[in-house]
Amino acid sequence: MTTLSRFRRQLLAAAALGLAAAGTAAAAEPFPSKPIRLVVPFPPGGPTDIVARPLAQMLADALGQQVIVDNRGGAGGGIGAENVARSSPDGYSLLLGTVGTHAINAALYRSLPYDPVRDFTPIVLAAAAPVAVVVHPTLPVRSLGELIERAKRSPGSLNYGSAGNGTPGHLTGEMFRSAAAARTIGVKSRTGS
C-alpha cells in the first residue's frame, strides 16, 4: 500500500468519524441523512477547490451520501468562512479552511464576522502545500544565493507572482524579501560563497 493510499484512508476515516460524531450529537436520526455541503471559501479552479473536489467524492463514497462543493469566494476566504460559522452546527456544513481563513485574516482585518477558533471545530488536515522558488530558465541563476545576489545588484528588477495581497504566497514572498535584505537567510550559492 502506498503512502498516498494510506494517507487517503486515514483522512477519510478521520473525517467520517468527525462527521458522524457531529451528526449524532446534533440529531436523533442516523448521520448523514441528507447531502453534506463542503464550502470552499475561494472561486472554482484554485488550489483549495482542487483539494475539495476529490475530497468531496471520497467522503461521499465513504459516507454513502452526496457531498456538494459550494464555492463562496471573496474577502480572502472570509465570506465562505462566515457562511459556515453562521450555519447550523449539525455536521452538514463543512469548511475547507486554510491558513488564510484561520490565521492570516485574523491578523489582516480589524474585525472578522467569525472567530477562527471559537466558531469551528477542526476535523482533519486535508492537504499541505509546499512553497517553491522557481525562476525562468533564461534567468542566469542556479541557486537561491545567486538569486538573492542578483536582486541586490539590480534592485526592483525582479518580481514574483502571488494570488493577491495577504495571501500565503504574497506573505511568503515578503518574508523572503525581508529576510534576504537582512541577510538572515542562510543560503550559499553553488560556488560556496
N, C-alpha and C. Protein backbone atom coordinates (compact mmCIF):
# COMPACT_ATOMS: atom_id res chain seq x y z
N MET A 1 0.85 -1.18 0.00
CA MET A 1 0.00 0.00 0.00
C MET A 1 0.90 1.23 0.00
N THR A 2 0.61 2.16 -0.88
CA THR A 2 1.41 3.36 -0.98
C THR A 2 1.11 4.31 0.18
N THR A 3 2.04 5.21 0.41
CA THR A 3 1.84 6.21 1.47
C THR A 3 0.62 7.07 1.17
N LEU A 4 0.40 7.41 -0.13
CA LEU A 4 -0.75 8.21 -0.51
C LEU A 4 -2.05 7.46 -0.22
N SER A 5 -2.11 6.17 -0.54
CA SER A 5 -3.31 5.38 -0.26
C SER A 5 -3.57 5.31 1.24
N ARG A 6 -2.53 5.09 2.00
CA ARG A 6 -2.66 5.02 3.46
C ARG A 6 -3.14 6.37 4.00
N PHE A 7 -2.57 7.47 3.48
CA PHE A 7 -2.98 8.81 3.91
C PHE A 7 -4.44 9.05 3.58
N ARG A 8 -4.86 8.66 2.36
CA ARG A 8 -6.26 8.85 1.97
C ARG A 8 -7.20 8.09 2.89
N ARG A 9 -6.85 6.86 3.22
CA ARG A 9 -7.71 6.07 4.11
C ARG A 9 -7.77 6.69 5.50
N GLN A 10 -6.64 7.17 6.01
CA GLN A 10 -6.62 7.82 7.31
C GLN A 10 -7.45 9.10 7.28
N LEU A 11 -7.32 9.87 6.21
CA LEU A 11 -8.07 11.10 6.05
C LEU A 11 -9.57 10.82 6.04
N LEU A 12 -9.98 9.86 5.25
CA LEU A 12 -11.40 9.52 5.17
C LEU A 12 -11.93 9.01 6.51
N ALA A 13 -11.15 8.16 7.16
CA ALA A 13 -11.60 7.63 8.45
C ALA A 13 -11.76 8.75 9.47
N ALA A 14 -10.78 9.65 9.53
CA ALA A 14 -10.87 10.76 10.49
C ALA A 14 -12.04 11.67 10.17
N ALA A 15 -12.21 12.00 8.88
CA ALA A 15 -13.31 12.88 8.50
C ALA A 15 -14.66 12.21 8.76
N ALA A 16 -14.78 10.94 8.42
CA ALA A 16 -16.05 10.24 8.63
C ALA A 16 -16.38 10.14 10.11
N LEU A 17 -15.39 9.85 10.94
CA LEU A 17 -15.63 9.79 12.39
C LEU A 17 -16.03 11.15 12.94
N GLY A 18 -15.33 12.19 12.49
CA GLY A 18 -15.67 13.54 12.96
C GLY A 18 -17.06 13.95 12.54
N LEU A 19 -17.42 13.65 11.29
CA LEU A 19 -18.76 13.98 10.80
C LEU A 19 -19.82 13.17 11.53
N ALA A 20 -19.55 11.90 11.72
CA ALA A 20 -20.53 11.05 12.40
C ALA A 20 -20.75 11.53 13.84
N ALA A 21 -19.67 11.90 14.50
CA ALA A 21 -19.80 12.38 15.88
C ALA A 21 -20.61 13.67 15.92
N ALA A 22 -20.33 14.58 14.97
CA ALA A 22 -21.07 15.84 14.93
C ALA A 22 -22.53 15.58 14.62
N GLY A 23 -22.78 14.69 13.69
CA GLY A 23 -24.15 14.41 13.29
C GLY A 23 -24.96 13.72 14.37
N THR A 24 -24.38 12.75 15.05
CA THR A 24 -25.14 12.03 16.06
C THR A 24 -25.38 12.89 17.29
N ALA A 25 -24.48 13.81 17.55
CA ALA A 25 -24.68 14.69 18.69
C ALA A 25 -25.78 15.70 18.40
N ALA A 26 -25.94 16.07 17.12
CA ALA A 26 -26.90 17.12 16.77
C ALA A 26 -28.27 16.60 16.37
N ALA A 27 -28.38 15.32 16.08
CA ALA A 27 -29.67 14.82 15.59
C ALA A 27 -29.90 13.38 16.06
N ALA A 28 -31.17 13.03 16.20
CA ALA A 28 -31.52 11.68 16.61
C ALA A 28 -31.50 10.71 15.43
N GLU A 29 -31.62 11.22 14.19
CA GLU A 29 -31.61 10.34 13.03
C GLU A 29 -30.18 9.96 12.66
N PRO A 30 -30.01 8.86 11.92
CA PRO A 30 -28.66 8.44 11.54
C PRO A 30 -27.98 9.50 10.68
N PHE A 31 -26.69 9.62 10.85
CA PHE A 31 -25.92 10.61 10.11
C PHE A 31 -25.08 9.91 9.07
N PRO A 32 -25.02 10.41 7.90
CA PRO A 32 -25.74 11.54 7.30
C PRO A 32 -27.04 11.07 6.64
N SER A 33 -28.06 11.84 6.82
CA SER A 33 -29.36 11.50 6.22
C SER A 33 -29.73 12.46 5.09
N LYS A 34 -28.85 13.39 4.78
CA LYS A 34 -29.07 14.33 3.68
C LYS A 34 -27.70 14.76 3.15
N PRO A 35 -27.65 15.42 2.00
CA PRO A 35 -26.35 15.85 1.44
C PRO A 35 -25.58 16.76 2.39
N ILE A 36 -24.28 16.66 2.31
CA ILE A 36 -23.36 17.47 3.10
C ILE A 36 -22.80 18.54 2.18
N ARG A 37 -22.67 19.74 2.69
CA ARG A 37 -22.14 20.87 1.92
C ARG A 37 -20.72 21.15 2.37
N LEU A 38 -19.78 21.09 1.42
CA LEU A 38 -18.37 21.39 1.68
C LEU A 38 -18.09 22.76 1.07
N VAL A 39 -17.98 23.77 1.91
CA VAL A 39 -17.76 25.13 1.44
C VAL A 39 -16.28 25.36 1.19
N VAL A 40 -15.99 25.79 -0.04
CA VAL A 40 -14.64 26.21 -0.42
C VAL A 40 -14.70 27.73 -0.45
N PRO A 41 -13.93 28.41 0.42
CA PRO A 41 -14.06 29.86 0.52
C PRO A 41 -13.30 30.64 -0.56
N PHE A 42 -13.13 30.02 -1.71
CA PHE A 42 -12.43 30.63 -2.83
C PHE A 42 -13.12 30.22 -4.13
N PRO A 43 -12.86 30.93 -5.24
CA PRO A 43 -13.51 30.59 -6.51
C PRO A 43 -13.11 29.20 -7.03
N PRO A 44 -13.91 28.66 -7.95
CA PRO A 44 -13.57 27.36 -8.54
C PRO A 44 -12.24 27.40 -9.30
N GLY A 45 -11.56 26.29 -9.30
CA GLY A 45 -10.34 26.15 -10.08
C GLY A 45 -9.06 26.47 -9.34
N GLY A 46 -9.13 27.05 -8.17
CA GLY A 46 -7.92 27.36 -7.42
C GLY A 46 -7.43 26.17 -6.63
N PRO A 47 -6.33 26.33 -5.90
CA PRO A 47 -5.74 25.22 -5.16
C PRO A 47 -6.68 24.60 -4.12
N THR A 48 -7.46 25.41 -3.42
CA THR A 48 -8.36 24.87 -2.41
C THR A 48 -9.48 24.07 -3.07
N ASP A 49 -9.97 24.56 -4.19
CA ASP A 49 -11.01 23.85 -4.94
C ASP A 49 -10.48 22.52 -5.47
N ILE A 50 -9.24 22.51 -5.91
CA ILE A 50 -8.63 21.29 -6.44
C ILE A 50 -8.52 20.22 -5.35
N VAL A 51 -8.32 20.63 -4.12
CA VAL A 51 -8.30 19.69 -2.99
C VAL A 51 -9.73 19.25 -2.66
N ALA A 52 -10.67 20.18 -2.71
CA ALA A 52 -12.05 19.91 -2.27
C ALA A 52 -12.77 18.89 -3.13
N ARG A 53 -12.60 18.95 -4.43
CA ARG A 53 -13.41 18.09 -5.31
C ARG A 53 -13.11 16.60 -5.13
N PRO A 54 -11.86 16.16 -5.13
CA PRO A 54 -11.64 14.73 -4.86
C PRO A 54 -11.99 14.35 -3.42
N LEU A 55 -11.76 15.28 -2.47
CA LEU A 55 -12.12 15.02 -1.09
C LEU A 55 -13.63 14.81 -0.96
N ALA A 56 -14.41 15.65 -1.63
CA ALA A 56 -15.88 15.51 -1.59
C ALA A 56 -16.31 14.15 -2.14
N GLN A 57 -15.68 13.73 -3.22
CA GLN A 57 -16.03 12.43 -3.80
C GLN A 57 -15.65 11.28 -2.87
N MET A 58 -14.47 11.37 -2.26
CA MET A 58 -14.05 10.31 -1.32
C MET A 58 -14.97 10.26 -0.11
N LEU A 59 -15.35 11.44 0.41
CA LEU A 59 -16.27 11.46 1.55
C LEU A 59 -17.63 10.90 1.17
N ALA A 60 -18.11 11.26 -0.02
CA ALA A 60 -19.41 10.75 -0.49
C ALA A 60 -19.37 9.22 -0.59
N ASP A 61 -18.30 8.69 -1.14
CA ASP A 61 -18.15 7.24 -1.25
C ASP A 61 -18.11 6.58 0.12
N ALA A 62 -17.37 7.18 1.05
CA ALA A 62 -17.22 6.59 2.39
C ALA A 62 -18.49 6.70 3.22
N LEU A 63 -19.23 7.80 3.05
CA LEU A 63 -20.40 8.04 3.88
C LEU A 63 -21.71 7.59 3.24
N GLY A 64 -21.68 7.31 1.94
CA GLY A 64 -22.91 6.93 1.25
C GLY A 64 -23.91 8.06 1.11
N GLN A 65 -23.40 9.27 1.06
CA GLN A 65 -24.26 10.45 0.94
C GLN A 65 -23.55 11.47 0.06
N GLN A 66 -24.30 12.22 -0.70
CA GLN A 66 -23.73 13.22 -1.59
C GLN A 66 -23.03 14.32 -0.78
N VAL A 67 -21.85 14.74 -1.25
CA VAL A 67 -21.12 15.86 -0.67
C VAL A 67 -20.98 16.90 -1.78
N ILE A 68 -21.61 18.05 -1.59
CA ILE A 68 -21.66 19.10 -2.61
C ILE A 68 -20.61 20.16 -2.31
N VAL A 69 -19.77 20.45 -3.30
CA VAL A 69 -18.78 21.52 -3.16
C VAL A 69 -19.49 22.84 -3.47
N ASP A 70 -19.41 23.77 -2.51
CA ASP A 70 -20.07 25.07 -2.62
C ASP A 70 -19.00 26.16 -2.55
N ASN A 71 -18.62 26.72 -3.71
CA ASN A 71 -17.60 27.77 -3.75
C ASN A 71 -18.21 29.10 -3.34
N ARG A 72 -17.63 29.72 -2.30
CA ARG A 72 -18.10 31.02 -1.80
C ARG A 72 -16.88 31.93 -1.64
N GLY A 73 -16.36 32.41 -2.76
CA GLY A 73 -15.15 33.22 -2.74
C GLY A 73 -15.40 34.65 -2.30
N GLY A 74 -14.33 35.30 -1.87
CA GLY A 74 -14.36 36.71 -1.52
C GLY A 74 -13.78 36.99 -0.15
N ALA A 75 -13.24 38.18 0.00
CA ALA A 75 -12.68 38.66 1.28
C ALA A 75 -11.61 37.72 1.83
N GLY A 76 -10.76 37.20 0.94
CA GLY A 76 -9.68 36.33 1.40
C GLY A 76 -10.19 35.06 2.06
N GLY A 77 -11.34 34.58 1.63
CA GLY A 77 -11.94 33.39 2.23
C GLY A 77 -12.93 33.70 3.33
N GLY A 78 -13.04 34.96 3.70
CA GLY A 78 -13.91 35.35 4.81
C GLY A 78 -15.39 35.14 4.55
N ILE A 79 -15.84 35.29 3.31
CA ILE A 79 -17.26 35.12 3.02
C ILE A 79 -17.68 33.66 3.23
N GLY A 80 -16.89 32.73 2.71
CA GLY A 80 -17.20 31.32 2.90
C GLY A 80 -17.10 30.89 4.35
N ALA A 81 -16.06 31.38 5.04
CA ALA A 81 -15.88 31.03 6.45
C ALA A 81 -17.05 31.55 7.29
N GLU A 82 -17.47 32.79 7.02
CA GLU A 82 -18.61 33.34 7.75
C GLU A 82 -19.87 32.52 7.48
N ASN A 83 -20.06 32.11 6.24
CA ASN A 83 -21.24 31.32 5.88
C ASN A 83 -21.31 30.04 6.70
N VAL A 84 -20.20 29.36 6.85
CA VAL A 84 -20.19 28.12 7.63
C VAL A 84 -20.30 28.42 9.13
N ALA A 85 -19.65 29.48 9.59
CA ALA A 85 -19.73 29.83 11.01
C ALA A 85 -21.16 30.11 11.43
N ARG A 86 -21.96 30.67 10.52
CA ARG A 86 -23.36 31.01 10.83
C ARG A 86 -24.33 29.86 10.55
N SER A 87 -23.84 28.77 9.98
CA SER A 87 -24.73 27.65 9.67
C SER A 87 -25.00 26.83 10.93
N SER A 88 -26.00 25.99 10.86
CA SER A 88 -26.35 25.13 11.98
C SER A 88 -25.20 24.17 12.27
N PRO A 89 -24.82 23.99 13.53
CA PRO A 89 -23.70 23.12 13.87
C PRO A 89 -24.11 21.63 13.90
N ASP A 90 -24.62 21.15 12.78
CA ASP A 90 -25.14 19.80 12.73
C ASP A 90 -24.29 18.83 11.91
N GLY A 91 -23.12 19.28 11.41
CA GLY A 91 -22.25 18.42 10.64
C GLY A 91 -22.57 18.40 9.15
N TYR A 92 -23.57 19.15 8.71
CA TYR A 92 -23.94 19.15 7.30
C TYR A 92 -23.32 20.31 6.52
N SER A 93 -22.65 21.21 7.19
CA SER A 93 -21.91 22.29 6.52
C SER A 93 -20.48 22.24 7.01
N LEU A 94 -19.57 22.00 6.09
CA LEU A 94 -18.14 21.91 6.40
C LEU A 94 -17.41 23.03 5.68
N LEU A 95 -16.30 23.46 6.24
CA LEU A 95 -15.46 24.47 5.60
C LEU A 95 -14.12 23.84 5.31
N LEU A 96 -13.64 24.01 4.09
CA LEU A 96 -12.27 23.64 3.79
C LEU A 96 -11.43 24.87 4.09
N GLY A 97 -11.12 25.03 5.36
CA GLY A 97 -10.39 26.20 5.83
C GLY A 97 -8.94 26.17 5.40
N THR A 98 -8.32 27.32 5.42
CA THR A 98 -6.93 27.46 5.01
C THR A 98 -6.18 28.31 6.02
N VAL A 99 -4.89 28.45 5.81
CA VAL A 99 -4.11 29.35 6.65
C VAL A 99 -4.64 30.78 6.51
N GLY A 100 -5.21 31.08 5.34
CA GLY A 100 -5.79 32.42 5.13
C GLY A 100 -7.01 32.65 5.99
N THR A 101 -7.96 31.71 5.97
CA THR A 101 -9.21 31.90 6.71
C THR A 101 -9.02 31.82 8.21
N HIS A 102 -8.01 31.08 8.66
CA HIS A 102 -7.89 30.84 10.09
C HIS A 102 -6.65 31.43 10.76
N ALA A 103 -5.77 32.05 10.01
CA ALA A 103 -4.61 32.70 10.63
C ALA A 103 -4.37 34.09 10.03
N ILE A 104 -4.22 34.15 8.73
CA ILE A 104 -3.88 35.42 8.09
C ILE A 104 -4.99 36.45 8.26
N ASN A 105 -6.23 36.07 7.99
CA ASN A 105 -7.32 37.04 8.06
C ASN A 105 -7.45 37.66 9.45
N ALA A 106 -7.22 36.88 10.49
CA ALA A 106 -7.32 37.40 11.85
C ALA A 106 -6.28 38.49 12.10
N ALA A 107 -5.13 38.41 11.43
CA ALA A 107 -4.10 39.42 11.59
C ALA A 107 -4.27 40.56 10.60
N LEU A 108 -4.95 40.30 9.50
CA LEU A 108 -5.07 41.27 8.42
C LEU A 108 -6.23 42.24 8.61
N TYR A 109 -7.34 41.75 9.13
CA TYR A 109 -8.54 42.57 9.26
C TYR A 109 -8.78 42.95 10.72
N ARG A 110 -9.26 44.17 10.94
CA ARG A 110 -9.54 44.64 12.30
C ARG A 110 -10.60 43.80 12.99
N SER A 111 -11.61 43.41 12.23
CA SER A 111 -12.64 42.54 12.80
C SER A 111 -13.12 41.58 11.74
N LEU A 112 -13.38 40.38 12.15
CA LEU A 112 -13.91 39.35 11.26
C LEU A 112 -15.33 39.02 11.68
N PRO A 113 -16.17 38.62 10.74
CA PRO A 113 -17.53 38.24 11.11
C PRO A 113 -17.61 36.83 11.67
N TYR A 114 -16.47 36.25 11.97
CA TYR A 114 -16.39 34.92 12.58
C TYR A 114 -15.15 34.87 13.45
N ASP A 115 -15.14 33.95 14.39
CA ASP A 115 -13.96 33.74 15.23
C ASP A 115 -13.29 32.45 14.74
N PRO A 116 -12.05 32.55 14.24
CA PRO A 116 -11.40 31.38 13.66
C PRO A 116 -11.24 30.21 14.64
N VAL A 117 -11.21 30.48 15.92
CA VAL A 117 -11.04 29.41 16.91
C VAL A 117 -12.39 28.97 17.47
N ARG A 118 -13.17 29.90 17.95
CA ARG A 118 -14.43 29.57 18.62
C ARG A 118 -15.50 28.99 17.68
N ASP A 119 -15.56 29.48 16.45
CA ASP A 119 -16.66 29.12 15.55
C ASP A 119 -16.44 27.84 14.74
N PHE A 120 -15.30 27.19 14.90
CA PHE A 120 -15.00 26.00 14.10
C PHE A 120 -14.40 24.90 14.97
N THR A 121 -14.65 23.66 14.58
CA THR A 121 -14.03 22.50 15.21
C THR A 121 -13.20 21.80 14.16
N PRO A 122 -11.88 21.77 14.32
CA PRO A 122 -11.06 21.10 13.31
C PRO A 122 -11.34 19.61 13.29
N ILE A 123 -11.39 19.04 12.08
CA ILE A 123 -11.63 17.61 11.93
C ILE A 123 -10.39 16.90 11.43
N VAL A 124 -9.79 17.41 10.37
CA VAL A 124 -8.65 16.71 9.77
C VAL A 124 -7.82 17.69 8.94
N LEU A 125 -6.53 17.44 8.86
CA LEU A 125 -5.66 18.17 7.94
C LEU A 125 -5.81 17.48 6.59
N ALA A 126 -6.39 18.17 5.63
CA ALA A 126 -6.70 17.56 4.34
C ALA A 126 -5.56 17.70 3.33
N ALA A 127 -4.75 18.72 3.44
CA ALA A 127 -3.68 18.94 2.47
C ALA A 127 -2.63 19.88 3.05
N ALA A 128 -1.46 19.81 2.49
CA ALA A 128 -0.38 20.74 2.82
C ALA A 128 0.23 21.18 1.50
N ALA A 129 0.60 22.43 1.40
CA ALA A 129 1.13 22.96 0.15
C ALA A 129 2.52 23.56 0.38
N PRO A 130 3.53 22.92 -0.16
CA PRO A 130 4.88 23.49 -0.02
C PRO A 130 5.02 24.74 -0.88
N VAL A 131 5.97 25.56 -0.53
CA VAL A 131 6.26 26.76 -1.30
C VAL A 131 7.59 26.53 -2.01
N ALA A 132 7.64 26.84 -3.29
CA ALA A 132 8.87 26.66 -4.07
C ALA A 132 9.27 27.98 -4.71
N VAL A 133 10.56 28.19 -4.81
CA VAL A 133 11.08 29.34 -5.53
C VAL A 133 11.60 28.81 -6.86
N VAL A 134 11.03 29.30 -7.95
CA VAL A 134 11.46 28.91 -9.29
C VAL A 134 11.69 30.16 -10.11
N VAL A 135 12.57 30.04 -11.09
CA VAL A 135 12.84 31.17 -11.99
C VAL A 135 12.75 30.68 -13.43
N HIS A 136 12.56 31.60 -14.34
CA HIS A 136 12.55 31.27 -15.77
C HIS A 136 13.95 30.75 -16.13
N PRO A 137 14.03 29.73 -16.98
CA PRO A 137 15.35 29.16 -17.29
C PRO A 137 16.32 30.14 -17.95
N THR A 138 15.83 31.24 -18.51
CA THR A 138 16.75 32.20 -19.12
C THR A 138 17.39 33.13 -18.09
N LEU A 139 16.86 33.14 -16.86
CA LEU A 139 17.49 33.96 -15.81
C LEU A 139 18.76 33.24 -15.36
N PRO A 140 19.91 33.89 -15.45
CA PRO A 140 21.18 33.20 -15.18
C PRO A 140 21.47 33.02 -13.68
N VAL A 141 20.59 32.35 -12.97
CA VAL A 141 20.85 32.00 -11.57
C VAL A 141 20.56 30.51 -11.41
N ARG A 142 21.35 29.85 -10.59
CA ARG A 142 21.18 28.42 -10.39
C ARG A 142 21.06 28.03 -8.93
N SER A 143 20.93 29.03 -8.06
CA SER A 143 20.76 28.74 -6.64
C SER A 143 20.03 29.91 -5.98
N LEU A 144 19.55 29.67 -4.79
CA LEU A 144 18.87 30.73 -4.05
C LEU A 144 19.85 31.87 -3.72
N GLY A 145 21.06 31.52 -3.39
CA GLY A 145 22.08 32.54 -3.11
C GLY A 145 22.33 33.44 -4.31
N GLU A 146 22.41 32.83 -5.51
CA GLU A 146 22.62 33.62 -6.72
C GLU A 146 21.42 34.52 -7.01
N LEU A 147 20.23 34.03 -6.73
CA LEU A 147 19.03 34.84 -6.92
C LEU A 147 19.05 36.06 -6.01
N ILE A 148 19.39 35.86 -4.76
CA ILE A 148 19.46 36.96 -3.79
C ILE A 148 20.52 37.98 -4.22
N GLU A 149 21.68 37.50 -4.63
CA GLU A 149 22.75 38.41 -5.06
C GLU A 149 22.33 39.21 -6.29
N ARG A 150 21.65 38.58 -7.23
CA ARG A 150 21.18 39.29 -8.42
C ARG A 150 20.17 40.37 -8.03
N ALA A 151 19.25 40.05 -7.13
CA ALA A 151 18.26 41.03 -6.69
C ALA A 151 18.93 42.21 -6.00
N LYS A 152 19.98 41.95 -5.25
CA LYS A 152 20.69 43.03 -4.56
C LYS A 152 21.46 43.90 -5.54
N ARG A 153 22.01 43.29 -6.58
CA ARG A 153 22.76 44.06 -7.60
C ARG A 153 21.83 44.93 -8.44
N SER A 154 20.60 44.48 -8.65
CA SER A 154 19.65 45.21 -9.51
C SER A 154 18.32 45.37 -8.79
N PRO A 155 18.26 46.24 -7.78
CA PRO A 155 17.01 46.41 -7.03
C PRO A 155 15.84 46.77 -7.94
N GLY A 156 14.71 46.14 -7.69
CA GLY A 156 13.50 46.42 -8.45
C GLY A 156 13.41 45.72 -9.79
N SER A 157 14.42 44.93 -10.14
CA SER A 157 14.41 44.28 -11.46
C SER A 157 13.71 42.93 -11.46
N LEU A 158 13.49 42.36 -10.30
CA LEU A 158 12.84 41.05 -10.21
C LEU A 158 11.47 41.18 -9.56
N ASN A 159 10.53 40.42 -10.04
CA ASN A 159 9.18 40.40 -9.49
C ASN A 159 8.79 38.97 -9.15
N TYR A 160 7.77 38.82 -8.34
CA TYR A 160 7.24 37.49 -8.07
C TYR A 160 5.73 37.55 -8.17
N GLY A 161 5.13 36.41 -8.39
CA GLY A 161 3.68 36.34 -8.52
C GLY A 161 3.04 35.74 -7.29
N SER A 162 1.84 36.19 -6.98
CA SER A 162 1.05 35.62 -5.88
C SER A 162 -0.42 35.76 -6.24
N ALA A 163 -1.26 35.20 -5.44
CA ALA A 163 -2.71 35.26 -5.68
C ALA A 163 -3.32 36.58 -5.20
N GLY A 164 -2.53 37.45 -4.62
CA GLY A 164 -3.05 38.75 -4.18
C GLY A 164 -2.55 39.13 -2.81
N ASN A 165 -2.84 40.36 -2.42
CA ASN A 165 -2.40 40.88 -1.12
C ASN A 165 -2.95 40.04 0.02
N GLY A 166 -2.08 39.74 0.96
CA GLY A 166 -2.49 38.99 2.14
C GLY A 166 -2.57 37.49 1.96
N THR A 167 -2.30 36.99 0.75
CA THR A 167 -2.35 35.54 0.53
C THR A 167 -1.05 34.91 1.03
N PRO A 168 -1.06 33.60 1.27
CA PRO A 168 0.17 32.95 1.72
C PRO A 168 1.35 33.19 0.78
N GLY A 169 1.11 33.16 -0.54
CA GLY A 169 2.20 33.41 -1.49
C GLY A 169 2.75 34.82 -1.36
N HIS A 170 1.88 35.80 -1.19
CA HIS A 170 2.31 37.18 -1.02
C HIS A 170 3.12 37.34 0.27
N LEU A 171 2.60 36.82 1.37
CA LEU A 171 3.29 36.96 2.65
C LEU A 171 4.62 36.20 2.66
N THR A 172 4.65 35.03 2.03
CA THR A 172 5.91 34.28 1.94
C THR A 172 6.93 35.06 1.14
N GLY A 173 6.49 35.65 0.02
CA GLY A 173 7.40 36.47 -0.79
C GLY A 173 7.94 37.66 -0.02
N GLU A 174 7.09 38.32 0.74
CA GLU A 174 7.53 39.47 1.54
C GLU A 174 8.47 39.04 2.68
N MET A 175 8.17 37.91 3.29
CA MET A 175 9.07 37.40 4.34
C MET A 175 10.43 37.04 3.75
N PHE A 176 10.42 36.43 2.58
CA PHE A 176 11.67 36.09 1.90
C PHE A 176 12.46 37.35 1.57
N ARG A 177 11.78 38.35 1.01
CA ARG A 177 12.44 39.61 0.65
C ARG A 177 13.05 40.26 1.88
N SER A 178 12.29 40.29 2.96
CA SER A 178 12.77 40.90 4.19
C SER A 178 13.97 40.15 4.77
N ALA A 179 13.88 38.83 4.79
CA ALA A 179 14.98 38.02 5.33
C ALA A 179 16.23 38.14 4.46
N ALA A 180 16.05 38.18 3.14
CA ALA A 180 17.20 38.33 2.24
C ALA A 180 17.85 39.69 2.43
N ALA A 181 17.03 40.73 2.59
CA ALA A 181 17.57 42.08 2.80
C ALA A 181 18.34 42.16 4.11
N ALA A 182 17.86 41.45 5.12
CA ALA A 182 18.51 41.48 6.43
C ALA A 182 19.62 40.44 6.54
N ARG A 183 19.80 39.68 5.46
CA ARG A 183 20.80 38.61 5.41
C ARG A 183 20.58 37.55 6.49
N THR A 184 19.31 37.29 6.83
CA THR A 184 19.03 36.23 7.81
C THR A 184 18.75 34.90 7.13
N ILE A 185 18.78 34.89 5.80
CA ILE A 185 18.62 33.62 5.08
C ILE A 185 19.99 33.01 4.96
N GLY A 186 20.19 31.87 5.53
CA GLY A 186 21.48 31.21 5.49
C GLY A 186 21.63 30.35 4.26
N VAL A 187 21.80 30.96 3.10
CA VAL A 187 21.95 30.21 1.86
C VAL A 187 23.32 30.46 1.29
N LYS A 188 23.80 29.49 0.56
CA LYS A 188 25.07 29.64 -0.13
C LYS A 188 24.84 29.33 -1.60
N SER A 189 25.58 29.98 -2.44
CA SER A 189 25.49 29.67 -3.86
C SER A 189 26.19 28.37 -4.13
N ARG A 190 26.07 27.87 -5.35
CA ARG A 190 26.71 26.60 -5.70
C ARG A 190 28.21 26.71 -5.62
N THR A 191 28.74 27.91 -5.72
CA THR A 191 30.19 28.08 -5.63
C THR A 191 30.66 28.17 -4.19
N GLY A 192 29.71 28.16 -3.24
CA GLY A 192 30.07 28.18 -1.83
C GLY A 192 30.24 29.55 -1.24
N SER A 193 29.92 30.61 -1.99
CA SER A 193 30.09 31.97 -1.47
C SER A 193 28.98 32.35 -0.53
